[in-house]
PDB file of N, CA and C in Angstrom:
ATOM      1  N   MET A   1     -63.796 -39.937 -69.750  1.00  0.00           N
ATOM      2  CA  MET A   1     -64.485 -41.142 -69.257  1.00  0.00           C
ATOM      3  C   MET A   1     -63.964 -41.298 -67.791  1.00  0.00           C
ATOM      4  N   PRO A   2     -64.904 -41.347 -66.860  1.00  0.00           N
ATOM      5  CA  PRO A   2     -64.437 -41.536 -65.407  1.00  0.00           C
ATOM      6  C   PRO A   2     -63.918 -42.987 -65.202  1.00  0.00           C
ATOM      7  N   ILE A   3     -62.928 -43.046 -64.346  1.00  0.00           N
ATOM      8  CA  ILE A   3     -62.369 -44.292 -63.905  1.00  0.00           C
ATOM      9  C   ILE A   3     -63.163 -44.911 -62.819  1.00  0.00           C
ATOM     10  N   CYS A   4     -63.498 -46.090 -62.907  1.00  0.00           N
ATOM     11  CA  CYS A   4     -64.389 -46.738 -61.822  1.00  0.00           C
ATOM     12  C   CYS A   4     -63.442 -47.690 -61.021  1.00  0.00           C
ATOM     13  N   SER A   5     -63.688 -47.738 -59.760  1.00  0.00           N
ATOM     14  CA  SER A   5     -63.010 -48.730 -58.987  1.00  0.00           C
ATOM     15  C   SER A   5     -63.558 -50.067 -59.112  1.00  0.00           C
ATOM     16  N   THR A   6     -62.767 -51.151 -58.790  1.00  0.00           N
ATOM     17  CA  THR A   6     -63.194 -52.458 -58.963  1.00  0.00           C
ATOM     18  C   THR A   6     -64.475 -52.711 -58.136  1.00  0.00           C
ATOM     19  N   GLU A   7     -64.556 -52.161 -56.905  1.00  0.00           N
ATOM     20  CA  GLU A   7     -65.729 -52.263 -56.173  1.00  0.00           C
ATOM     21  C   GLU A   7     -67.023 -51.717 -56.771  1.00  0.00           C
ATOM     22  N   THR A   8     -66.791 -50.553 -57.367  1.00  0.00           N
ATOM     23  CA  THR A   8     -67.949 -49.870 -58.081  1.00  0.00           C
ATOM     24  C   THR A   8     -68.405 -50.811 -59.179  1.00  0.00           C
ATOM     25  N   VAL A   9     -67.466 -51.316 -59.983  1.00  0.00           N
ATOM     26  CA  VAL A   9     -67.859 -52.194 -61.131  1.00  0.00           C
ATOM     27  C   VAL A   9     -68.540 -53.447 -60.606  1.00  0.00           C
ATOM     28  N   ILE A  10     -68.047 -53.997 -59.597  1.00  0.00           N
ATOM     29  CA  ILE A  10     -68.681 -55.198 -58.974  1.00  0.00           C
ATOM     30  C   ILE A  10     -70.067 -54.932 -58.606  1.00  0.00           C
ATOM     31  N   ASN A  11     -70.254 -53.782 -57.800  1.00  0.00           N
ATOM     32  CA  ASN A  11     -71.617 -53.401 -57.416  1.00  0.00           C
ATOM     33  C   ASN A  11     -72.548 -53.241 -58.577  1.00  0.00           C
ATOM     34  N   GLU A  12     -72.100 -52.641 -59.691  1.00  0.00           N
ATOM     35  CA  GLU A  12     -72.926 -52.477 -60.828  1.00  0.00           C
ATOM     36  C   GLU A  12     -73.268 -53.820 -61.507  1.00  0.00           C
ATOM     37  N   LEU A  13     -72.321 -54.727 -61.473  1.00  0.00           N
ATOM     38  CA  LEU A  13     -72.617 -56.087 -62.009  1.00  0.00           C
ATOM     39  C   LEU A  13     -73.574 -56.686 -61.228  1.00  0.00           C
ATOM     40  N   ILE A  14     -73.501 -56.627 -59.874  1.00  0.00           N
ATOM     41  CA  ILE A  14     -74.492 -57.385 -59.006  1.00  0.00           C
ATOM     42  C   ILE A  14     -75.892 -56.689 -59.336  1.00  0.00           C
ATOM     43  N   PHE A  15     -75.967 -55.416 -59.390  1.00  0.00           N
ATOM     44  CA  PHE A  15     -77.282 -54.785 -59.710  1.00  0.00           C
ATOM     45  C   PHE A  15     -77.794 -55.171 -61.021  1.00  0.00           C
ATOM     46  N   ALA A  16     -76.897 -55.327 -62.072  1.00  0.00           N
ATOM     47  CA  ALA A  16     -77.392 -55.677 -63.339  1.00  0.00           C
ATOM     48  C   ALA A  16     -77.830 -57.196 -63.353  1.00  0.00           C
ATOM     49  N   VAL A  17     -77.290 -58.025 -62.490  1.00  0.00           N
ATOM     50  CA  VAL A  17     -77.674 -59.464 -62.444  1.00  0.00           C
ATOM     51  C   VAL A  17     -78.875 -59.687 -61.677  1.00  0.00           C
ATOM     52  N   TYR A  18     -78.958 -59.043 -60.496  1.00  0.00           N
ATOM     53  CA  TYR A  18     -80.044 -59.331 -59.555  1.00  0.00           C
ATOM     54  C   TYR A  18     -81.114 -58.233 -59.403  1.00  0.00           C
ATOM     55  N   GLY A  19     -80.798 -57.093 -59.980  1.00  0.00           N
ATOM     56  CA  GLY A  19     -81.738 -55.972 -59.801  1.00  0.00           C
ATOM     57  C   GLY A  19     -81.522 -55.192 -58.451  1.00  0.00           C
ATOM     58  N   ALA A  20     -82.535 -54.391 -58.095  1.00  0.00           N
ATOM     59  CA  ALA A  20     -82.379 -53.571 -56.959  1.00  0.00           C
ATOM     60  C   ALA A  20     -82.527 -54.241 -55.578  1.00  0.00           C
ATOM     61  N   GLN A  21     -83.149 -55.371 -55.616  1.00  0.00           N
ATOM     62  CA  GLN A  21     -83.450 -56.106 -54.336  1.00  0.00           C
ATOM     63  C   GLN A  21     -82.893 -57.593 -54.429  1.00  0.00           C
ATOM     64  N   PRO A  22     -81.684 -57.786 -54.543  1.00  0.00           N
ATOM     65  CA  PRO A  22     -81.092 -59.104 -54.563  1.00  0.00           C
ATOM     66  C   PRO A  22     -81.060 -59.720 -53.132  1.00  0.00           C
ATOM     67  N   ASP A  23     -81.114 -60.992 -52.978  1.00  0.00           N
ATOM     68  CA  ASP A  23     -80.964 -61.653 -51.790  1.00  0.00           C
ATOM     69  C   ASP A  23     -79.599 -61.452 -51.274  1.00  0.00           C
ATOM     70  N   ALA A  24     -79.385 -61.335 -49.926  1.00  0.00           N
ATOM     71  CA  ALA A  24     -78.094 -61.007 -49.335  1.00  0.00           C
ATOM     72  C   ALA A  24     -77.145 -62.150 -49.656  1.00  0.00           C
ATOM     73  N   ARG A  25     -77.566 -63.365 -49.561  1.00  0.00           N
ATOM     74  CA  ARG A  25     -76.647 -64.503 -49.911  1.00  0.00           C
ATOM     75  C   ARG A  25     -76.245 -64.402 -51.323  1.00  0.00           C
ATOM     76  N   GLN A  26     -77.126 -64.153 -52.250  1.00  0.00           N
ATOM     77  CA  GLN A  26     -76.812 -64.108 -53.639  1.00  0.00           C
ATOM     78  C   GLN A  26     -75.698 -62.969 -53.887  1.00  0.00           C
ATOM     79  N   ARG A  27     -75.955 -61.840 -53.305  1.00  0.00           N
ATOM     80  CA  ARG A  27     -75.059 -60.748 -53.416  1.00  0.00           C
ATOM     81  C   ARG A  27     -73.605 -61.154 -52.893  1.00  0.00           C
ATOM     82  N   HIS A  28     -73.567 -61.768 -51.796  1.00  0.00           N
ATOM     83  CA  HIS A  28     -72.299 -62.167 -51.190  1.00  0.00           C
ATOM     84  C   HIS A  28     -71.593 -63.134 -52.042  1.00  0.00           C
ATOM     85  N   VAL A  29     -72.296 -64.152 -52.561  1.00  0.00           N
ATOM     86  CA  VAL A  29     -71.713 -65.214 -53.404  1.00  0.00           C
ATOM     87  C   VAL A  29     -71.133 -64.566 -54.697  1.00  0.00           C
ATOM     88  N   LEU A  30     -71.957 -63.781 -55.284  1.00  0.00           N
ATOM     89  CA  LEU A  30     -71.538 -63.122 -56.594  1.00  0.00           C
ATOM     90  C   LEU A  30     -70.347 -62.175 -56.284  1.00  0.00           C
ATOM     91  N   ARG A  31     -70.397 -61.409 -55.248  1.00  0.00           N
ATOM     92  CA  ARG A  31     -69.348 -60.462 -54.897  1.00  0.00           C
ATOM     93  C   ARG A  31     -68.033 -61.243 -54.706  1.00  0.00           C
ATOM     94  N   GLN A  32     -68.029 -62.356 -53.924  1.00  0.00           N
ATOM     95  CA  GLN A  32     -66.865 -63.122 -53.714  1.00  0.00           C
ATOM     96  C   GLN A  32     -66.342 -63.734 -54.963  1.00  0.00           C
ATOM     97  N   ALA A  33     -67.213 -64.224 -55.905  1.00  0.00           N
ATOM     98  CA  ALA A  33     -66.777 -64.777 -57.140  1.00  0.00           C
ATOM     99  C   ALA A  33     -66.122 -63.774 -58.031  1.00  0.00           C
ATOM    100  N   LEU A  34     -66.740 -62.550 -58.039  1.00  0.00           N
ATOM    101  CA  LEU A  34     -66.128 -61.498 -58.899  1.00  0.00           C
ATOM    102  C   LEU A  34     -64.758 -61.040 -58.299  1.00  0.00           C
ATOM    103  N   HIS A  35     -64.639 -60.992 -56.984  1.00  0.00           N
ATOM    104  CA  HIS A  35     -63.391 -60.543 -56.365  1.00  0.00           C
ATOM    105  C   HIS A  35     -62.283 -61.663 -56.678  1.00  0.00           C
ATOM    106  N   GLY A  36     -62.775 -62.960 -56.707  1.00  0.00           N
ATOM    107  CA  GLY A  36     -61.797 -64.011 -56.999  1.00  0.00           C
ATOM    108  C   GLY A  36     -61.294 -63.889 -58.428  1.00  0.00           C
ATOM    109  N   LEU A  37     -62.255 -63.512 -59.346  1.00  0.00           N
ATOM    110  CA  LEU A  37     -61.918 -63.333 -60.757  1.00  0.00           C
ATOM    111  C   LEU A  37     -60.967 -62.173 -60.895  1.00  0.00           C
ATOM    112  N   VAL A  38     -61.122 -61.080 -60.184  1.00  0.00           N
ATOM    113  CA  VAL A  38     -60.204 -60.010 -60.258  1.00  0.00           C
ATOM    114  C   VAL A  38     -58.840 -60.357 -59.742  1.00  0.00           C
ATOM    115  N   ARG A  39     -58.793 -61.153 -58.635  1.00  0.00           N
ATOM    116  CA  ARG A  39     -57.422 -61.645 -58.209  1.00  0.00           C
ATOM    117  C   ARG A  39     -56.648 -62.536 -59.168  1.00  0.00           C
ATOM    118  N   GLN A  40     -57.565 -63.384 -59.765  1.00  0.00           N
ATOM    119  CA  GLN A  40     -56.891 -64.283 -60.791  1.00  0.00           C
ATOM    120  C   GLN A  40     -56.401 -63.468 -61.992  1.00  0.00           C
ATOM    121  N   ALA A  41     -57.170 -62.513 -62.475  1.00  0.00           N
ATOM    122  CA  ALA A  41     -56.759 -61.675 -63.528  1.00  0.00           C
ATOM    123  C   ALA A  41     -55.451 -60.868 -63.159  1.00  0.00           C
ATOM    124  N   ARG A  42     -55.418 -60.395 -61.953  1.00  0.00           N
ATOM    125  CA  ARG A  42     -54.190 -59.676 -61.558  1.00  0.00           C
ATOM    126  C   ARG A  42     -52.994 -60.550 -61.507  1.00  0.00           C
ATOM    127  N   ALA A  43     -53.192 -61.835 -61.039  1.00  0.00           N
ATOM    128  CA  ALA A  43     -52.123 -62.729 -60.959  1.00  0.00           C
ATOM    129  C   ALA A  43     -51.591 -63.124 -62.381  1.00  0.00           C
ATOM    130  N   GLU A  44     -52.503 -63.288 -63.303  1.00  0.00           N
ATOM    131  CA  GLU A  44     -52.175 -63.602 -64.703  1.00  0.00           C
ATOM    132  C   GLU A  44     -51.449 -62.469 -65.291  1.00  0.00           C
ATOM    133  N   GLN A  45     -51.867 -61.198 -65.077  1.00  0.00           N
ATOM    134  CA  GLN A  45     -51.250 -60.006 -65.617  1.00  0.00           C
ATOM    135  C   GLN A  45     -49.834 -59.927 -65.049  1.00  0.00           C
ATOM    136  N   LEU A  46     -49.653 -60.120 -63.808  1.00  0.00           N
ATOM    137  CA  LEU A  46     -48.255 -60.087 -63.239  1.00  0.00           C
ATOM    138  C   LEU A  46     -47.369 -61.079 -63.791  1.00  0.00           C
ATOM    139  N   GLN A  47     -47.863 -62.346 -64.026  1.00  0.00           N
ATOM    140  CA  GLN A  47     -47.131 -63.366 -64.655  1.00  0.00           C
ATOM    141  C   GLN A  47     -46.714 -63.006 -66.083  1.00  0.00           C
ATOM    142  N   GLU A  48     -47.633 -62.431 -66.830  1.00  0.00           N
ATOM    143  CA  GLU A  48     -47.303 -62.060 -68.167  1.00  0.00           C
ATOM    144  C   GLU A  48     -46.266 -60.839 -68.187  1.00  0.00           C
ATOM    145  N   MET A  49     -46.360 -60.052 -67.141  1.00  0.00           N
ATOM    146  CA  MET A  49     -45.355 -58.900 -67.121  1.00  0.00           C
ATOM    147  C   MET A  49     -44.028 -59.418 -66.784  1.00  0.00           C
ATOM    148  N   ARG A  50     -43.897 -60.397 -65.925  1.00  0.00           N
ATOM    149  CA  ARG A  50     -42.667 -61.094 -65.578  1.00  0.00           C
ATOM    150  C   ARG A  50     -42.083 -61.825 -66.719  1.00  0.00           C
ATOM    151  N   ARG A  51     -42.927 -62.458 -67.482  1.00  0.00           N
ATOM    152  CA  ARG A  51     -42.492 -63.210 -68.684  1.00  0.00           C
ATOM    153  C   ARG A  51     -41.935 -62.243 -69.693  1.00  0.00           C
ATOM    154  N   ASP A  52     -42.643 -61.094 -69.849  1.00  0.00           N
ATOM    155  CA  ASP A  52     -42.190 -60.073 -70.781  1.00  0.00           C
ATOM    156  C   ASP A  52     -40.797 -59.519 -70.376  1.00  0.00           C
ATOM    157  N   VAL A  53     -40.616 -59.317 -69.096  1.00  0.00           N
ATOM    158  CA  VAL A  53     -39.311 -58.764 -68.673  1.00  0.00           C
ATOM    159  C   VAL A  53     -38.242 -59.823 -68.819  1.00  0.00           C
ATOM    160  N   TRP A  54     -38.502 -61.055 -68.653  1.00  0.00           N
ATOM    161  CA  TRP A  54     -37.469 -62.100 -68.830  1.00  0.00           C
ATOM    162  C   TRP A  54     -37.144 -62.223 -70.298  1.00  0.00           C
ATOM    163  N   ARG A  55     -38.189 -62.097 -71.185  1.00  0.00           N
ATOM    164  CA  ARG A  55     -37.906 -62.121 -72.596  1.00  0.00           C
ATOM    165  C   ARG A  55     -37.078 -60.934 -73.022  1.00  0.00           C
ATOM    166  N   ALA A  56     -37.419 -59.824 -72.607  1.00  0.00           N
ATOM    167  CA  ALA A  56     -36.666 -58.535 -72.983  1.00  0.00           C
ATOM    168  C   ALA A  56     -35.239 -58.618 -72.465  1.00  0.00           C
ATOM    169  N   SER A  57     -35.019 -59.220 -71.340  1.00  0.00           N
ATOM    170  CA  SER A  57     -33.646 -59.281 -70.740  1.00  0.00           C
ATOM    171  C   SER A  57     -32.822 -60.481 -71.331  1.00  0.00           C
ATOM    172  N   GLY A  58     -33.381 -61.248 -72.236  1.00  0.00           N
ATOM    173  CA  GLY A  58     -32.647 -62.295 -72.802  1.00  0.00           C
ATOM    174  C   GLY A  58     -32.763 -63.615 -72.046  1.00  0.00           C
ATOM    175  N   MET A  59     -33.497 -63.656 -71.050  1.00  0.00           N
ATOM    176  CA  MET A  59     -33.754 -64.945 -70.250  1.00  0.00           C
ATOM    177  C   MET A  59     -34.740 -65.722 -70.920  1.00  0.00           C
ATOM    178  N   ALA A  60     -34.821 -67.030 -70.570  1.00  0.00           N
ATOM    179  CA  ALA A  60     -35.760 -67.931 -71.191  1.00  0.00           C
ATOM    180  C   ALA A  60     -37.021 -68.090 -70.271  1.00  0.00           C
ATOM    181  N   TRP A  61     -38.148 -68.287 -70.978  1.00  0.00           N
ATOM    182  CA  TRP A  61     -39.422 -68.658 -70.285  1.00  0.00           C
ATOM    183  C   TRP A  61     -39.773 -69.961 -70.704  1.00  0.00           C
ATOM    184  N   LEU A  62     -39.526 -70.915 -69.841  1.00  0.00           N
ATOM    185  CA  LEU A  62     -39.777 -72.335 -70.190  1.00  0.00           C
ATOM    186  C   LEU A  62     -40.783 -72.931 -69.180  1.00  0.00           C
ATOM    187  N   ALA A  63     -41.827 -73.585 -69.598  1.00  0.00           N
ATOM    188  CA  ALA A  63     -42.769 -74.245 -68.790  1.00  0.00           C
ATOM    189  C   ALA A  63     -43.202 -75.579 -69.531  1.00  0.00           C
ATOM    190  N   PRO A  64     -42.291 -76.517 -69.711  1.00  0.00           N
ATOM    191  CA  PRO A  64     -42.635 -77.696 -70.433  1.00  0.00           C
ATOM    192  C   PRO A  64     -43.713 -78.512 -69.785  1.00  0.00           C
ATOM    193  N   ASP A  65     -43.805 -78.373 -68.474  1.00  0.00           N
ATOM    194  CA  ASP A  65     -44.865 -79.136 -67.751  1.00  0.00           C
ATOM    195  C   ASP A  65     -46.227 -78.315 -67.584  1.00  0.00           C
ATOM    196  N   GLY A  66     -46.171 -77.137 -68.186  1.00  0.00           N
ATOM    197  CA  GLY A  66     -47.414 -76.317 -68.118  1.00  0.00           C
ATOM    198  C   GLY A  66     -47.598 -75.550 -66.810  1.00  0.00           C
ATOM    199  N   SER A  67     -46.543 -75.611 -65.935  1.00  0.00           N
ATOM    200  CA  SER A  67     -46.684 -75.011 -64.654  1.00  0.00           C
ATOM    201  C   SER A  67     -46.576 -73.438 -64.643  1.00  0.00           C
ATOM    202  N   GLY A  68     -45.950 -72.958 -65.661  1.00  0.00           N
ATOM    203  CA  GLY A  68     -45.852 -71.541 -65.784  1.00  0.00           C
ATOM    204  C   GLY A  68     -44.588 -71.038 -65.083  1.00  0.00           C
ATOM    205  N   ASP A  69     -43.782 -71.872 -64.669  1.00  0.00           N
ATOM    206  CA  ASP A  69     -42.489 -71.601 -63.867  1.00  0.00           C
ATOM    207  C   ASP A  69     -41.483 -70.871 -64.785  1.00  0.00           C
ATOM    208  N   PHE A  70     -40.674 -69.961 -64.221  1.00  0.00           N
ATOM    209  CA  PHE A  70     -39.586 -69.290 -64.895  1.00  0.00           C
ATOM    210  C   PHE A  70     -38.396 -70.232 -64.836  1.00  0.00           C
ATOM    211  N   VAL A  71     -37.666 -70.456 -65.921  1.00  0.00           N
ATOM    212  CA  VAL A  71     -36.475 -71.195 -65.995  1.00  0.00           C
ATOM    213  C   VAL A  71     -35.438 -70.399 -66.743  1.00  0.00           C
ATOM    214  N   ALA A  72     -34.364 -70.076 -66.071  1.00  0.00           N
ATOM    215  CA  ALA A  72     -33.248 -69.363 -66.683  1.00  0.00           C
ATOM    216  C   ALA A  72     -32.337 -70.360 -67.363  1.00  0.00           C
ATOM    217  N   LEU A  73     -32.060 -70.092 -68.584  1.00  0.00           N
ATOM    218  CA  LEU A  73     -31.089 -70.913 -69.251  1.00  0.00           C
ATOM    219  C   LEU A  73     -29.607 -70.510 -68.873  1.00  0.00           C
ATOM    220  N   PRO A  74     -28.684 -71.430 -68.942  1.00  0.00           N
ATOM    221  CA  PRO A  74     -27.318 -71.035 -68.581  1.00  0.00           C
ATOM    222  C   PRO A  74     -26.842 -69.949 -69.527  1.00  0.00           C
ATOM    223  N   HIS A  75     -25.974 -69.112 -69.027  1.00  0.00           N
ATOM    224  CA  HIS A  75     -25.476 -68.038 -69.765  1.00  0.00           C
ATOM    225  C   HIS A  75     -24.492 -68.521 -70.873  1.00  0.00           C
ATOM    226  N   THR A  76     -24.681 -68.042 -72.058  1.00  0.00           N
ATOM    227  CA  THR A  76     -23.824 -68.408 -73.100  1.00  0.00           C
ATOM    228  C   THR A  76     -23.190 -67.091 -73.733  1.00  0.00           C
ATOM    229  N   PRO A  77     -21.948 -67.002 -73.903  1.00  0.00           N
ATOM    230  CA  PRO A  77     -21.323 -65.784 -74.515  1.00  0.00           C
ATOM    231  C   PRO A  77     -21.950 -65.467 -75.850  1.00  0.00           C
ATOM    232  N   HIS A  78     -22.272 -64.248 -76.135  1.00  0.00           N
ATOM    233  CA  HIS A  78     -22.815 -63.778 -77.394  1.00  0.00           C
ATOM    234  C   HIS A  78     -21.853 -63.810 -78.504  1.00  0.00           C
ATOM    235  N   ASP A  79     -20.519 -63.568 -78.237  1.00  0.00           N
ATOM    236  CA  ASP A  79     -19.528 -63.476 -79.235  1.00  0.00           C
ATOM    237  C   ASP A  79     -18.941 -64.850 -79.540  1.00  0.00           C
ATOM    238  N   GLY A  80     -19.256 -65.833 -78.777  1.00  0.00           N
ATOM    239  CA  GLY A  80     -18.748 -67.176 -79.030  1.00  0.00           C
ATOM    240  C   GLY A  80     -17.239 -67.436 -78.708  1.00  0.00           C
ATOM    241  N   GLY A  81     -16.617 -66.344 -78.392  1.00  0.00           N
ATOM    242  CA  GLY A  81     -15.122 -66.485 -78.131  1.00  0.00           C
ATOM    243  C   GLY A  81     -14.868 -66.631 -76.634  1.00  0.00           C
ATOM    244  N   SER A  82     -13.601 -66.804 -76.401  1.00  0.00           N
ATOM    245  CA  SER A  82     -13.098 -67.021 -75.002  1.00  0.00           C
ATOM    246  C   SER A  82     -12.490 -65.717 -74.517  1.00  0.00           C
ATOM    247  N   HIS A  83     -12.601 -65.536 -73.243  1.00  0.00           N
ATOM    248  CA  HIS A  83     -11.989 -64.224 -72.638  1.00  0.00           C
ATOM    249  C   HIS A  83     -10.880 -64.612 -71.722  1.00  0.00           C
ATOM    250  N   ASP A  84     -10.186 -65.637 -72.006  1.00  0.00           N
ATOM    251  CA  ASP A  84      -9.130 -66.107 -71.174  1.00  0.00           C
ATOM    252  C   ASP A  84      -7.938 -65.196 -71.185  1.00  0.00           C
ATOM    253  N   GLY A  85      -7.715 -64.499 -72.286  1.00  0.00           N
ATOM    254  CA  GLY A  85      -6.584 -63.585 -72.347  1.00  0.00           C
ATOM    255  C   GLY A  85      -5.431 -64.064 -72.759  1.00  0.00           C
TER     256      GLY A  85
END
């Protein structure tokens, strides 16, 4: 299966929506909306990847206010003991 670029897929979607002779303004508006959607999807994917890395490394992912911000919890020793010697 050939891999299509984002621009190719966007052009195919514009053709599917408006046909062979779309108005230039309609093409522009739809093209910009689709590019915005792609940027949003990429940002969400990056955020998910960062969250997964934080989870895998034992860090916390907290967003009580729904902001999606990363918050690292203070380090706590895994063995529960003291290393004072």
